[in-house]
Amino acid sequence: QLQLVESGGGLVQPGGSLRLSCTGSGFTLDDYAIGWFRQAPGKGREAVSCISKGGFKINYADVLKGRFTISRDNAKNTVYLQMNDLKPEDTGPYYCAADWARQCNVLQSELDFLYWGQGTQVTVSS
């Protein structure tokens, strides 16, 4: 059974950093495009970043470029989202998603992904 599990969320002060992990079980994560999404309180889910199979193509939401970095560790079957200089507006649950067909030529929307994790909460507050 294909499963995604996010971890690494928590409470951090503004300006701090977190590294989120998305670990796959039941399949090889590198065979799938992986997207990270988040949902601010009272808002819809928004795309954060996307990494293609093999990691050859990466996209970020424009407002996050320079602060967030997505990467793969195939030995651990994991995709990471390194988040630096965190701001209160980065608060919310963060989800990873996988899809075999996506290429990440653009920042893929949530509608493009078939498999989803349960999310990990990020709270940025002093």
PDB file of N, CA and C in Angstrom:
ATOM      1  N   GLN A   1       0.838  -1.186   0.000  1.00  0.00           N
ATOM      2  CA  GLN A   1       0.000   0.000   0.000  1.00  0.00           C
ATOM      3  C   GLN A   1       0.881   1.247   0.000  1.00  0.00           C
ATOM      4  N   LEU A   2       0.614   2.160  -0.922  1.00  0.00           N
ATOM      5  CA  LEU A   2       1.399   3.364  -1.062  1.00  0.00           C
ATOM      6  C   LEU A   2       1.016   4.339   0.048  1.00  0.00           C
ATOM      7  N   GLN A   3       2.023   4.813   0.789  1.00  0.00           N
ATOM      8  CA  GLN A   3       1.760   5.701   1.910  1.00  0.00           C
ATOM      9  C   GLN A   3       2.821   6.785   1.983  1.00  0.00           C
ATOM     10  N   LEU A   4       2.385   8.004   2.325  1.00  0.00           N
ATOM     11  CA  LEU A   4       3.280   9.135   2.544  1.00  0.00           C
ATOM     12  C   LEU A   4       3.112   9.606   3.980  1.00  0.00           C
ATOM     13  N   VAL A   5       4.232   9.850   4.639  1.00  0.00           N
ATOM     14  CA  VAL A   5       4.188  10.331   6.012  1.00  0.00           C
ATOM     15  C   VAL A   5       5.074  11.556   6.144  1.00  0.00           C
ATOM     16  N   GLU A   6       4.453  12.668   6.582  1.00  0.00           N
ATOM     17  CA  GLU A   6       5.209  13.896   6.825  1.00  0.00           C
ATOM     18  C   GLU A   6       5.644  13.961   8.284  1.00  0.00           C
ATOM     19  N   SER A   7       6.769  14.613   8.504  1.00  0.00           N
ATOM     20  CA  SER A   7       7.243  14.845   9.870  1.00  0.00           C
ATOM     21  C   SER A   7       8.126  16.078   9.870  1.00  0.00           C
ATOM     22  N   GLY A   8       8.467  16.538  11.064  1.00  0.00           N
ATOM     23  CA  GLY A   8       9.395  17.654  11.187  1.00  0.00           C
ATOM     24  C   GLY A   8       8.748  18.982  11.528  1.00  0.00           C
ATOM     25  N   GLY A   9       7.426  19.022  11.568  1.00  0.00           N
ATOM     26  CA  GLY A   9       6.764  20.265  11.936  1.00  0.00           C
ATOM     27  C   GLY A   9       6.936  20.575  13.416  1.00  0.00           C
ATOM     28  N   GLY A  10       6.508  21.768  13.806  1.00  0.00           N
ATOM     29  CA  GLY A  10       6.597  22.158  15.202  1.00  0.00           C
ATOM     30  C   GLY A  10       6.411  23.638  15.375  1.00  0.00           C
ATOM     31  N   LEU A  11       6.734  24.104  16.557  1.00  0.00           N
ATOM     32  CA  LEU A  11       6.641  25.525  16.899  1.00  0.00           C
ATOM     33  C   LEU A  11       8.030  26.146  16.790  1.00  0.00           C
ATOM     34  N   VAL A  12       8.119  27.246  16.068  1.00  0.00           N
ATOM     35  CA  VAL A  12       9.400  27.915  15.872  1.00  0.00           C
ATOM     36  C   VAL A  12       9.178  29.419  15.925  1.00  0.00           C
ATOM     37  N   GLN A  13      10.174  30.143  16.387  1.00  0.00           N
ATOM     38  CA  GLN A  13      10.069  31.593  16.434  1.00  0.00           C
ATOM     39  C   GLN A  13      10.308  32.197  15.053  1.00  0.00           C
ATOM     40  N   PRO A  14       9.774  33.376  14.804  1.00  0.00           N
ATOM     41  CA  PRO A  14      10.061  34.049  13.526  1.00  0.00           C
ATOM     42  C   PRO A  14      11.564  34.157  13.291  1.00  0.00           C
ATOM     43  N   GLY A  15      11.962  33.895  12.045  1.00  0.00           N
ATOM     44  CA  GLY A  15      13.382  33.875  11.694  1.00  0.00           C
ATOM     45  C   GLY A  15      14.028  32.521  11.850  1.00  0.00           C
ATOM     46  N   GLY A  16      13.325  31.588  12.451  1.00  0.00           N
ATOM     47  CA  GLY A  16      13.870  30.252  12.668  1.00  0.00           C
ATOM     48  C   GLY A  16      13.745  29.356  11.440  1.00  0.00           C
ATOM     49  N   SER A  17      14.179  28.109  11.608  1.00  0.00           N
ATOM     50  CA  SER A  17      14.186  27.149  10.507  1.00  0.00           C
ATOM     51  C   SER A  17      13.564  25.828  10.941  1.00  0.00           C
ATOM     52  N   LEU A  18      13.013  25.135   9.975  1.00  0.00           N
ATOM     53  CA  LEU A  18      12.527  23.773  10.154  1.00  0.00           C
ATOM     54  C   LEU A  18      12.845  22.985   8.898  1.00  0.00           C
ATOM     55  N   ARG A  19      13.022  21.680   9.053  1.00  0.00           N
ATOM     56  CA  ARG A  19      13.146  20.803   7.904  1.00  0.00           C
ATOM     57  C   ARG A  19      12.039  19.762   7.981  1.00  0.00           C
ATOM     58  N   LEU A  20      11.169  19.799   7.000  1.00  0.00           N
ATOM     59  CA  LEU A  20      10.093  18.827   6.915  1.00  0.00           C
ATOM     60  C   LEU A  20      10.549  17.629   6.088  1.00  0.00           C
ATOM     61  N   SER A  21      10.057  16.463   6.467  1.00  0.00           N
ATOM     62  CA  SER A  21      10.366  15.235   5.748  1.00  0.00           C
ATOM     63  C   SER A  21       9.079  14.622   5.220  1.00  0.00           C
ATOM     64  N   CYS A  22       9.182  14.047   4.054  1.00  0.00           N
ATOM     65  CA  CYS A  22       8.077  13.289   3.446  1.00  0.00           C
ATOM     66  C   CYS A  22       8.658  11.928   3.091  1.00  0.00           C
ATOM     67  N   THR A  23       8.267  10.905   3.819  1.00  0.00           N
ATOM     68  CA  THR A  23       8.813   9.571   3.632  1.00  0.00           C
ATOM     69  C   THR A  23       7.770   8.650   3.026  1.00  0.00           C
ATOM     70  N   GLY A  24       8.194   7.920   2.020  1.00  0.00           N
ATOM     71  CA  GLY A  24       7.277   7.013   1.348  1.00  0.00           C
ATOM     72  C   GLY A  24       7.448   5.580   1.822  1.00  0.00           C
ATOM     73  N   SER A  25       6.368   4.853   1.824  1.00  0.00           N
ATOM     74  CA  SER A  25       6.425   3.414   2.083  1.00  0.00           C
ATOM     75  C   SER A  25       5.527   2.708   1.083  1.00  0.00           C
ATOM     76  N   GLY A  26       5.971   1.540   0.660  1.00  0.00           N
ATOM     77  CA  GLY A  26       5.204   0.776  -0.300  1.00  0.00           C
ATOM     78  C   GLY A  26       5.501   1.138  -1.744  1.00  0.00           C
ATOM     79  N   PHE A  27       6.397   2.100  -1.958  1.00  0.00           N
ATOM     80  CA  PHE A  27       6.775   2.493  -3.305  1.00  0.00           C
ATOM     81  C   PHE A  27       8.085   3.270  -3.248  1.00  0.00           C
ATOM     82  N   THR A  28       8.707   3.455  -4.417  1.00  0.00           N
ATOM     83  CA  THR A  28       9.955   4.206  -4.510  1.00  0.00           C
ATOM     84  C   THR A  28       9.632   5.653  -4.800  1.00  0.00           C
ATOM     85  N   LEU A  29       9.952   6.514  -3.867  1.00  0.00           N
ATOM     86  CA  LEU A  29       9.560   7.913  -3.973  1.00  0.00           C
ATOM     87  C   LEU A  29      10.179   8.593  -5.199  1.00  0.00           C
ATOM     88  N   ASP A  30      11.360   8.152  -5.593  1.00  0.00           N
ATOM     89  CA  ASP A  30      12.032   8.805  -6.714  1.00  0.00           C
ATOM     90  C   ASP A  30      11.358   8.503  -8.056  1.00  0.00           C
ATOM     91  N   ASP A  31      10.428   7.564  -8.086  1.00  0.00           N
ATOM     92  CA  ASP A  31       9.668   7.282  -9.295  1.00  0.00           C
ATOM     93  C   ASP A  31       8.480   8.225  -9.472  1.00  0.00           C
ATOM     94  N   TYR A  32       8.308   9.131  -8.502  1.00  0.00           N
ATOM     95  CA  TYR A  32       7.150  10.014  -8.492  1.00  0.00           C
ATOM     96  C   TYR A  32       7.587  11.472  -8.353  1.00  0.00           C
ATOM     97  N   ALA A  33       6.827  12.355  -9.000  1.00  0.00           N
ATOM     98  CA  ALA A  33       6.953  13.769  -8.673  1.00  0.00           C
ATOM     99  C   ALA A  33       6.355  13.982  -7.289  1.00  0.00           C
ATOM    100  N   ILE A  34       6.997  14.841  -6.506  1.00  0.00           N
ATOM    101  CA  ILE A  34       6.540  15.139  -5.154  1.00  0.00           C
ATOM    102  C   ILE A  34       6.260  16.623  -5.034  1.00  0.00           C
ATOM    103  N   GLY A  35       5.126  16.938  -4.485  1.00  0.00           N
ATOM    104  CA  GLY A  35       4.779  18.331  -4.220  1.00  0.00           C
ATOM    105  C   GLY A  35       4.596  18.568  -2.734  1.00  0.00           C
ATOM    106  N   TRP A  36       4.936  19.764  -2.311  1.00  0.00           N
ATOM    107  CA  TRP A  36       4.633  20.217  -0.953  1.00  0.00           C
ATOM    108  C   TRP A  36       3.558  21.299  -1.052  1.00  0.00           C
ATOM    109  N   PHE A  37       2.610  21.222  -0.140  1.00  0.00           N
ATOM    110  CA  PHE A  37       1.504  22.165  -0.103  1.00  0.00           C
ATOM    111  C   PHE A  37       1.302  22.620   1.339  1.00  0.00           C
ATOM    112  N   ARG A  38       0.646  23.761   1.502  1.00  0.00           N
ATOM    113  CA  ARG A  38       0.326  24.230   2.830  1.00  0.00           C
ATOM    114  C   ARG A  38      -1.036  24.901   2.805  1.00  0.00           C
ATOM    115  N   GLN A  39      -1.582  25.096   3.999  1.00  0.00           N
ATOM    116  CA  GLN A  39      -2.902  25.708   4.088  1.00  0.00           C
ATOM    117  C   GLN A  39      -2.910  26.674   5.256  1.00  0.00           C
ATOM    118  N   ALA A  40      -2.938  27.944   4.957  1.00  0.00           N
ATOM    119  CA  ALA A  40      -3.003  28.960   6.006  1.00  0.00           C
ATOM    120  C   ALA A  40      -4.395  28.952   6.622  1.00  0.00           C
ATOM    121  N   PRO A  41      -4.511  29.358   7.881  1.00  0.00           N
ATOM    122  CA  PRO A  41      -5.822  29.376   8.536  1.00  0.00           C
ATOM    123  C   PRO A  41      -6.843  30.176   7.741  1.00  0.00           C
ATOM    124  N   GLY A  42      -7.977  29.579   7.461  1.00  0.00           N
ATOM    125  CA  GLY A  42      -9.048  30.252   6.740  1.00  0.00           C
ATOM    126  C   GLY A  42      -8.840  30.373   5.248  1.00  0.00           C
ATOM    127  N   LYS A  43      -7.809  29.723   4.727  1.00  0.00           N
ATOM    128  CA  LYS A  43      -7.526  29.825   3.298  1.00  0.00           C
ATOM    129  C   LYS A  43      -7.463  28.443   2.662  1.00  0.00           C
ATOM    130  N   GLY A  44      -7.440  28.427   1.359  1.00  0.00           N
ATOM    131  CA  GLY A  44      -7.330  27.177   0.634  1.00  0.00           C
ATOM    132  C   GLY A  44      -5.897  26.663   0.615  1.00  0.00           C
ATOM    133  N   ARG A  45      -5.754  25.435   0.132  1.00  0.00           N
ATOM    134  CA  ARG A  45      -4.434  24.824   0.067  1.00  0.00           C
ATOM    135  C   ARG A  45      -3.645  25.463  -1.076  1.00  0.00           C
ATOM    136  N   GLU A  46      -2.380  25.798  -0.826  1.00  0.00           N
ATOM    137  CA  GLU A  46      -1.555  26.410  -1.857  1.00  0.00           C
ATOM    138  C   GLU A  46      -0.295  25.577  -2.089  1.00  0.00           C
ATOM    139  N   ALA A  47       0.172  25.618  -3.316  1.00  0.00           N
ATOM    140  CA  ALA A  47       1.384  24.891  -3.674  1.00  0.00           C
ATOM    141  C   ALA A  47       2.608  25.640  -3.159  1.00  0.00           C
ATOM    142  N   VAL A  48       3.533  24.879  -2.615  1.00  0.00           N
ATOM    143  CA  VAL A  48       4.777  25.438  -2.080  1.00  0.00           C
ATOM    144  C   VAL A  48       5.944  25.125  -3.012  1.00  0.00           C
ATOM    145  N   SER A  49       6.080  23.843  -3.377  1.00  0.00           N
ATOM    146  CA  SER A  49       7.209  23.428  -4.189  1.00  0.00           C
ATOM    147  C   SER A  49       6.909  22.098  -4.855  1.00  0.00           C
ATOM    148  N   CYS A  50       7.658  21.811  -5.902  1.00  0.00           N
ATOM    149  CA  CYS A  50       7.492  20.566  -6.635  1.00  0.00           C
ATOM    150  C   CYS A  50       8.863  20.092  -7.099  1.00  0.00           C
ATOM    151  N   ILE A  51       9.107  18.791  -6.977  1.00  0.00           N
ATOM    152  CA  ILE A  51      10.356  18.205  -7.471  1.00  0.00           C
ATOM    153  C   ILE A  51      10.007  17.003  -8.328  1.00  0.00           C
ATOM    154  N   SER A  52      10.640  16.921  -9.498  1.00  0.00           N
ATOM    155  CA  SER A  52      10.309  15.866 -10.449  1.00  0.00           C
ATOM    156  C   SER A  52      10.967  14.547 -10.053  1.00  0.00           C
ATOM    157  N   LYS A  53      10.583  13.495 -10.740  1.00  0.00           N
ATOM    158  CA  LYS A  53      11.287  12.221 -10.635  1.00  0.00           C
ATOM    159  C   LYS A  53      12.765  12.482 -10.911  1.00  0.00           C
ATOM    160  N   GLY A  54      13.627  11.921 -10.133  1.00  0.00           N
ATOM    161  CA  GLY A  54      15.049  12.131 -10.344  1.00  0.00           C
ATOM    162  C   GLY A  54      15.558  13.484  -9.895  1.00  0.00           C
ATOM    163  N   GLY A  55      14.663  14.381  -9.518  1.00  0.00           N
ATOM    164  CA  GLY A  55      15.084  15.683  -9.019  1.00  0.00           C
ATOM    165  C   GLY A  55      15.585  16.650 -10.070  1.00  0.00           C
ATOM    166  N   PHE A  56      15.290  16.405 -11.352  1.00  0.00           N
ATOM    167  CA  PHE A  56      15.854  17.231 -12.423  1.00  0.00           C
ATOM    168  C   PHE A  56      15.150  18.576 -12.552  1.00  0.00           C
ATOM    169  N   LYS A  57      13.900  18.644 -12.154  1.00  0.00           N
ATOM    170  CA  LYS A  57      13.148  19.889 -12.247  1.00  0.00           C
ATOM    171  C   LYS A  57      12.568  20.229 -10.884  1.00  0.00           C
ATOM    172  N   ILE A  58      12.721  21.483 -10.517  1.00  0.00           N
ATOM    173  CA  ILE A  58      12.234  21.974  -9.230  1.00  0.00           C
ATOM    174  C   ILE A  58      11.550  23.309  -9.456  1.00  0.00           C
ATOM    175  N   ASN A  59      10.441  23.497  -8.797  1.00  0.00           N
ATOM    176  CA  ASN A  59       9.740  24.773  -8.839  1.00  0.00           C
ATOM    177  C   ASN A  59       9.303  25.169  -7.436  1.00  0.00           C
ATOM    178  N   TYR A  60       9.222  26.477  -7.238  1.00  0.00           N
ATOM    179  CA  TYR A  60       8.774  27.027  -5.957  1.00  0.00           C
ATOM    180  C   TYR A  60       7.720  28.098  -6.200  1.00  0.00           C
ATOM    181  N   ALA A  61       6.876  28.293  -5.202  1.00  0.00           N
ATOM    182  CA  ALA A  61       6.008  29.459  -5.230  1.00  0.00           C
ATOM    183  C   ALA A  61       6.899  30.703  -5.192  1.00  0.00           C
ATOM    184  N   ASP A  62       6.561  31.698  -5.997  1.00  0.00           N
ATOM    185  CA  ASP A  62       7.420  32.881  -6.124  1.00  0.00           C
ATOM    186  C   ASP A  62       7.706  33.539  -4.783  1.00  0.00           C
ATOM    187  N   VAL A  63       6.715  33.593  -3.915  1.00  0.00           N
ATOM    188  CA  VAL A  63       6.888  34.296  -2.644  1.00  0.00           C
ATOM    189  C   VAL A  63       7.815  33.557  -1.691  1.00  0.00           C
ATOM    190  N   LEU A  64       8.146  32.296  -2.022  1.00  0.00           N
ATOM    191  CA  LEU A  64       8.963  31.489  -1.127  1.00  0.00           C
ATOM    192  C   LEU A  64      10.387  31.286  -1.627  1.00  0.00           C
ATOM    193  N   LYS A  65      10.636  31.694  -2.854  1.00  0.00           N
ATOM    194  CA  LYS A  65      11.977  31.490  -3.421  1.00  0.00           C
ATOM    195  C   LYS A  65      13.031  32.166  -2.557  1.00  0.00           C
ATOM    196  N   GLY A  66      14.099  31.419  -2.313  1.00  0.00           N
ATOM    197  CA  GLY A  66      15.182  31.941  -1.498  1.00  0.00           C
ATOM    198  C   GLY A  66      15.079  31.550  -0.043  1.00  0.00           C
ATOM    199  N   ARG A  67      13.895  31.159   0.410  1.00  0.00           N
ATOM    200  CA  ARG A  67      13.739  30.747   1.808  1.00  0.00           C
ATOM    201  C   ARG A  67      13.517  29.242   1.955  1.00  0.00           C
ATOM    202  N   PHE A  68      12.885  28.624   0.976  1.00  0.00           N
ATOM    203  CA  PHE A  68      12.568  27.198   1.047  1.00  0.00           C
ATOM    204  C   PHE A  68      13.388  26.441   0.007  1.00  0.00           C
ATOM    205  N   THR A  69      13.800  25.227   0.359  1.00  0.00           N
ATOM    206  CA  THR A  69      14.556  24.379  -0.550  1.00  0.00           C
ATOM    207  C   THR A  69      14.023  22.959  -0.471  1.00  0.00           C
ATOM    208  N   ILE A  70      13.707  22.395  -1.622  1.00  0.00           N
ATOM    209  CA  ILE A  70      13.237  21.013  -1.690  1.00  0.00           C
ATOM    210  C   ILE A  70      14.373  20.133  -2.180  1.00  0.00           C
ATOM    211  N   SER A  71      14.439  18.905  -1.666  1.00  0.00           N
ATOM    212  CA  SER A  71      15.508  17.998  -2.080  1.00  0.00           C
ATOM    213  C   SER A  71      15.073  16.560  -1.841  1.00  0.00           C
ATOM    214  N   ARG A  72      15.813  15.651  -2.475  1.00  0.00           N
ATOM    215  CA  ARG A  72      15.531  14.223  -2.316  1.00  0.00           C
ATOM    216  C   ARG A  72      16.705  13.523  -1.631  1.00  0.00           C
ATOM    217  N   ASP A  73      16.396  12.503  -0.846  1.00  0.00           N
ATOM    218  CA  ASP A  73      17.393  11.556  -0.345  1.00  0.00           C
ATOM    219  C   ASP A  73      16.862  10.168  -0.695  1.00  0.00           C
ATOM    220  N   ASN A  74      17.310   9.650  -1.807  1.00  0.00           N
ATOM    221  CA  ASN A  74      16.756   8.389  -2.294  1.00  0.00           C
ATOM    222  C   ASN A  74      17.111   7.213  -1.391  1.00  0.00           C
ATOM    223  N   ALA A  75      18.253   7.283  -0.738  1.00  0.00           N
ATOM    224  CA  ALA A  75      18.634   6.204   0.172  1.00  0.00           C
ATOM    225  C   ALA A  75      17.639   6.072   1.322  1.00  0.00           C
ATOM    226  N   LYS A  76      17.007   7.185   1.683  1.00  0.00           N
ATOM    227  CA  LYS A  76      16.024   7.178   2.772  1.00  0.00           C
ATOM    228  C   LYS A  76      14.591   7.225   2.256  1.00  0.00           C
ATOM    229  N   ASN A  77      14.443   7.200   0.921  1.00  0.00           N
ATOM    230  CA  ASN A  77      13.112   7.265   0.319  1.00  0.00           C
ATOM    231  C   ASN A  77      12.324   8.466   0.864  1.00  0.00           C
ATOM    232  N   THR A  78      12.996   9.599   0.899  1.00  0.00           N
ATOM    233  CA  THR A  78      12.468  10.782   1.560  1.00  0.00           C
ATOM    234  C   THR A  78      12.695  12.021   0.711  1.00  0.00           C
ATOM    235  N   VAL A  79      11.741  12.921   0.747  1.00  0.00           N
ATOM    236  CA  VAL A  79      11.881  14.261   0.183  1.00  0.00           C
ATOM    237  C   VAL A  79      11.816  15.257   1.335  1.00  0.00           C
ATOM    238  N   TYR A  80      12.702  16.225   1.311  1.00  0.00           N
ATOM    239  CA  TYR A  80      12.776  17.215   2.373  1.00  0.00           C
ATOM    240  C   TYR A  80      12.308  18.583   1.876  1.00  0.00           C
ATOM    241  N   LEU A  81      11.827  19.373   2.806  1.00  0.00           N
ATOM    242  CA  LEU A  81      11.555  20.781   2.552  1.00  0.00           C
ATOM    243  C   LEU A  81      12.251  21.563   3.661  1.00  0.00           C
ATOM    244  N   GLN A  82      13.367  22.180   3.305  1.00  0.00           N
ATOM    245  CA  GLN A  82      14.097  23.017   4.256  1.00  0.00           C
ATOM    246  C   GLN A  82      13.488  24.408   4.222  1.00  0.00           C
ATOM    247  N   MET A  83      13.075  24.891   5.378  1.00  0.00           N
ATOM    248  CA  MET A  83      12.411  26.185   5.459  1.00  0.00           C
ATOM    249  C   MET A  83      13.212  27.095   6.383  1.00  0.00           C
ATOM    250  N   ASN A  84      13.689  28.195   5.836  1.00  0.00           N
ATOM    251  CA  ASN A  84      14.507  29.144   6.595  1.00  0.00           C
ATOM    252  C   ASN A  84      13.799  30.486   6.712  1.00  0.00           C
ATOM    253  N   ASP A  85      14.259  31.292   7.668  1.00  0.00           N
ATOM    254  CA  ASP A  85      13.709  32.627   7.874  1.00  0.00           C
ATOM    255  C   ASP A  85      12.178  32.579   7.929  1.00  0.00           C
ATOM    256  N   LEU A  86      11.673  31.708   8.752  1.00  0.00           N
ATOM    257  CA  LEU A  86      10.232  31.499   8.813  1.00  0.00           C
ATOM    258  C   LEU A  86       9.501  32.717   9.350  1.00  0.00           C
ATOM    259  N   LYS A  87       8.307  32.930   8.834  1.00  0.00           N
ATOM    260  CA  LYS A  87       7.476  34.083   9.181  1.00  0.00           C
ATOM    261  C   LYS A  87       6.138  33.589   9.725  1.00  0.00           C
ATOM    262  N   PRO A  88       5.451  34.398  10.493  1.00  0.00           N
ATOM    263  CA  PRO A  88       4.143  33.958  11.011  1.00  0.00           C
ATOM    264  C   PRO A  88       3.176  33.530   9.909  1.00  0.00           C
ATOM    265  N   GLU A  89       3.257  34.137   8.758  1.00  0.00           N
ATOM    266  CA  GLU A  89       2.367  33.761   7.660  1.00  0.00           C
ATOM    267  C   GLU A  89       2.699  32.413   7.046  1.00  0.00           C
ATOM    268  N   ASP A  90       3.799  31.788   7.477  1.00  0.00           N
ATOM    269  CA  ASP A  90       4.114  30.424   7.036  1.00  0.00           C
ATOM    270  C   ASP A  90       3.385  29.376   7.881  1.00  0.00           C
ATOM    271  N   THR A  91       2.655  29.816   8.876  1.00  0.00           N
ATOM    272  CA  THR A  91       1.942  28.905   9.778  1.00  0.00           C
ATOM    273  C   THR A  91       0.844  28.143   9.063  1.00  0.00           C
ATOM    274  N   GLY A  92       0.714  26.859   9.418  1.00  0.00           N
ATOM    275  CA  GLY A  92      -0.351  26.025   8.874  1.00  0.00           C
ATOM    276  C   GLY A  92       0.115  24.592   8.722  1.00  0.00           C
ATOM    277  N   PRO A  93      -0.804  23.701   8.375  1.00  0.00           N
ATOM    278  CA  PRO A  93      -0.384  22.333   8.081  1.00  0.00           C
ATOM    279  C   PRO A  93       0.320  22.270   6.732  1.00  0.00           C
ATOM    280  N   TYR A  94       1.328  21.431   6.645  1.00  0.00           N
ATOM    281  CA  TYR A  94       2.071  21.211   5.414  1.00  0.00           C
ATOM    282  C   TYR A  94       1.886  19.762   4.994  1.00  0.00           C
ATOM    283  N   TYR A  95       1.591  19.584   3.729  1.00  0.00           N
ATOM    284  CA  TYR A  95       1.308  18.257   3.180  1.00  0.00           C
ATOM    285  C   TYR A  95       2.264  17.947   2.035  1.00  0.00           C
ATOM    286  N   CYS A  96       2.638  16.685   1.916  1.00  0.00           N
ATOM    287  CA  CYS A  96       3.327  16.263   0.702  1.00  0.00           C
ATOM    288  C   CYS A  96       2.388  15.368  -0.100  1.00  0.00           C
ATOM    289  N   ALA A  97       2.637  15.342  -1.393  1.00  0.00           N
ATOM    290  CA  ALA A  97       1.793  14.589  -2.305  1.00  0.00           C
ATOM    291  C   ALA A  97       2.657  13.996  -3.405  1.00  0.00           C
ATOM    292  N   ALA A  98       2.204  12.901  -3.972  1.00  0.00           N
ATOM    293  CA  ALA A  98       2.969  12.202  -5.008  1.00  0.00           C
ATOM    294  C   ALA A  98       2.091  11.893  -6.205  1.00  0.00           C
ATOM    295  N   ASP A  99       2.706  11.946  -7.361  1.00  0.00           N
ATOM    296  CA  ASP A  99       2.001  11.533  -8.574  1.00  0.00           C
ATOM    297  C   ASP A  99       3.013  11.041  -9.598  1.00  0.00           C
ATOM    298  N   TRP A 100       2.692   9.931 -10.231  1.00  0.00           N
ATOM    299  CA  TRP A 100       3.621   9.324 -11.177  1.00  0.00           C
ATOM    300  C   TRP A 100       3.712  10.119 -12.479  1.00  0.00           C
ATOM    301  N   ALA A 101       2.625  10.795 -12.856  1.00  0.00           N
ATOM    302  CA  ALA A 101       2.551  11.388 -14.189  1.00  0.00           C
ATOM    303  C   ALA A 101       3.086  12.817 -14.272  1.00  0.00           C
ATOM    304  N   ARG A 102       3.288  13.489 -13.146  1.00  0.00           N
ATOM    305  CA  ARG A 102       3.631  14.919 -13.181  1.00  0.00           C
ATOM    306  C   ARG A 102       5.108  15.124 -13.449  1.00  0.00           C
ATOM    307  N   GLN A 103       5.436  16.247 -14.099  1.00  0.00           N
ATOM    308  CA  GLN A 103       6.819  16.532 -14.490  1.00  0.00           C
ATOM    309  C   GLN A 103       7.420  17.707 -13.736  1.00  0.00           C
ATOM    310  N   CYS A 104       6.606  18.480 -13.045  1.00  0.00           N
ATOM    311  CA  CYS A 104       7.074  19.670 -12.331  1.00  0.00           C
ATOM    312  C   CYS A 104       7.740  20.682 -13.267  1.00  0.00           C
ATOM    313  N   ASN A 105       7.273  20.757 -14.512  1.00  0.00           N
ATOM    314  CA  ASN A 105       7.725  21.825 -15.403  1.00  0.00           C
ATOM    315  C   ASN A 105       7.231  23.179 -14.896  1.00  0.00           C
ATOM    316  N   VAL A 106       6.103  23.123 -14.204  1.00  0.00           N
ATOM    317  CA  VAL A 106       5.565  24.299 -13.529  1.00  0.00           C
ATOM    318  C   VAL A 106       5.238  23.863 -12.107  1.00  0.00           C
ATOM    319  N   LEU A 107       4.852  24.816 -11.279  1.00  0.00           N
ATOM    320  CA  LEU A 107       4.438  24.483  -9.923  1.00  0.00           C
ATOM    321  C   LEU A 107       3.069  23.814 -10.014  1.00  0.00           C
ATOM    322  N   GLN A 108       3.031  22.514  -9.803  1.00  0.00           N
ATOM    323  CA  GLN A 108       1.812  21.753  -9.987  1.00  0.00           C
ATOM    324  C   GLN A 108       0.789  22.093  -8.905  1.00  0.00           C
ATOM    325  N   SER A 109      -0.484  22.059  -9.295  1.00  0.00           N
ATOM    326  CA  SER A 109      -1.542  22.343  -8.328  1.00  0.00           C
ATOM    327  C   SER A 109      -1.918  21.079  -7.565  1.00  0.00           C
ATOM    328  N   GLU A 110      -2.708  21.242  -6.511  1.00  0.00           N
ATOM    329  CA  GLU A 110      -3.112  20.074  -5.709  1.00  0.00           C
ATOM    330  C   GLU A 110      -3.935  19.103  -6.524  1.00  0.00           C
ATOM    331  N   LEU A 111      -4.598  19.582  -7.558  1.00  0.00           N
ATOM    332  CA  LEU A 111      -5.415  18.700  -8.382  1.00  0.00           C
ATOM    333  C   LEU A 111      -4.578  17.716  -9.196  1.00  0.00           C
ATOM    334  N   ASP A 112      -3.277  17.985  -9.291  1.00  0.00           N
ATOM    335  CA  ASP A 112      -2.397  17.165 -10.111  1.00  0.00           C
ATOM    336  C   ASP A 112      -1.837  15.955  -9.375  1.00  0.00           C
ATOM    337  N   PHE A 113      -2.108  15.855  -8.085  1.00  0.00           N
ATOM    338  CA  PHE A 113      -1.485  14.800  -7.283  1.00  0.00           C
ATOM    339  C   PHE A 113      -2.518  13.811  -6.769  1.00  0.00           C
ATOM    340  N   LEU A 114      -2.155  12.541  -6.851  1.00  0.00           N
ATOM    341  CA  LEU A 114      -3.090  11.484  -6.483  1.00  0.00           C
ATOM    342  C   LEU A 114      -2.935  11.034  -5.029  1.00  0.00           C
ATOM    343  N   TYR A 115      -1.706  10.942  -4.556  1.00  0.00           N
ATOM    344  CA  TYR A 115      -1.451  10.380  -3.222  1.00  0.00           C
ATOM    345  C   TYR A 115      -1.032  11.495  -2.266  1.00  0.00           C
ATOM    346  N   TRP A 116      -1.586  11.448  -1.052  1.00  0.00           N
ATOM    347  CA  TRP A 116      -1.364  12.517  -0.079  1.00  0.00           C
ATOM    348  C   TRP A 116      -1.018  11.948   1.287  1.00  0.00           C
ATOM    349  N   GLY A 117      -0.180  12.701   1.999  1.00  0.00           N
ATOM    350  CA  GLY A 117       0.065  12.394   3.397  1.00  0.00           C
ATOM    351  C   GLY A 117      -0.957  13.092   4.276  1.00  0.00           C
ATOM    352  N   GLN A 118      -0.827  12.872   5.577  1.00  0.00           N
ATOM    353  CA  GLN A 118      -1.772  13.424   6.540  1.00  0.00           C
ATOM    354  C   GLN A 118      -1.407  14.825   7.003  1.00  0.00           C
ATOM    355  N   GLY A 119      -0.198  15.258   6.742  1.00  0.00           N
ATOM    356  CA  GLY A 119       0.197  16.621   7.078  1.00  0.00           C
ATOM    357  C   GLY A 119       0.992  16.716   8.371  1.00  0.00           C
ATOM    358  N   THR A 120       1.768  17.779   8.469  1.00  0.00           N
ATOM    359  CA  THR A 120       2.496  18.094   9.693  1.00  0.00           C
ATOM    360  C   THR A 120       2.326  19.586   9.960  1.00  0.00           C
ATOM    361  N   GLN A 121       2.071  19.939  11.216  1.00  0.00           N
ATOM    362  CA  GLN A 121       1.745  21.318  11.560  1.00  0.00           C
ATOM    363  C   GLN A 121       3.012  22.145  11.768  1.00  0.00           C
ATOM    364  N   VAL A 122       3.025  23.313  11.142  1.00  0.00           N
ATOM    365  CA  VAL A 122       4.092  24.300  11.351  1.00  0.00           C
ATOM    366  C   VAL A 122       3.464  25.545  11.972  1.00  0.00           C
ATOM    367  N   THR A 123       4.013  25.963  13.092  1.00  0.00           N
ATOM    368  CA  THR A 123       3.529  27.170  13.752  1.00  0.00           C
ATOM    369  C   THR A 123       4.702  28.098  13.991  1.00  0.00           C
ATOM    370  N   VAL A 124       4.600  29.297  13.424  1.00  0.00           N
ATOM    371  CA  VAL A 124       5.653  30.298  13.579  1.00  0.00           C
ATOM    372  C   VAL A 124       5.107  31.416  14.455  1.00  0.00           C
ATOM    373  N   SER A 125       5.641  31.507  15.647  1.00  0.00           N
ATOM    374  CA  SER A 125       5.109  32.468  16.610  1.00  0.00           C
ATOM    375  C   SER A 125       6.167  32.774  17.665  1.00  0.00           C
ATOM    376  N   SER A 126       6.133  34.003  18.151  1.00  0.00           N
ATOM    377  CA  SER A 126       7.031  34.387  19.240  1.00  0.00           C
ATOM    378  C   SER A 126       6.342  34.190  20.589  1.00  0.00           C
TER     379      SER A 126
END
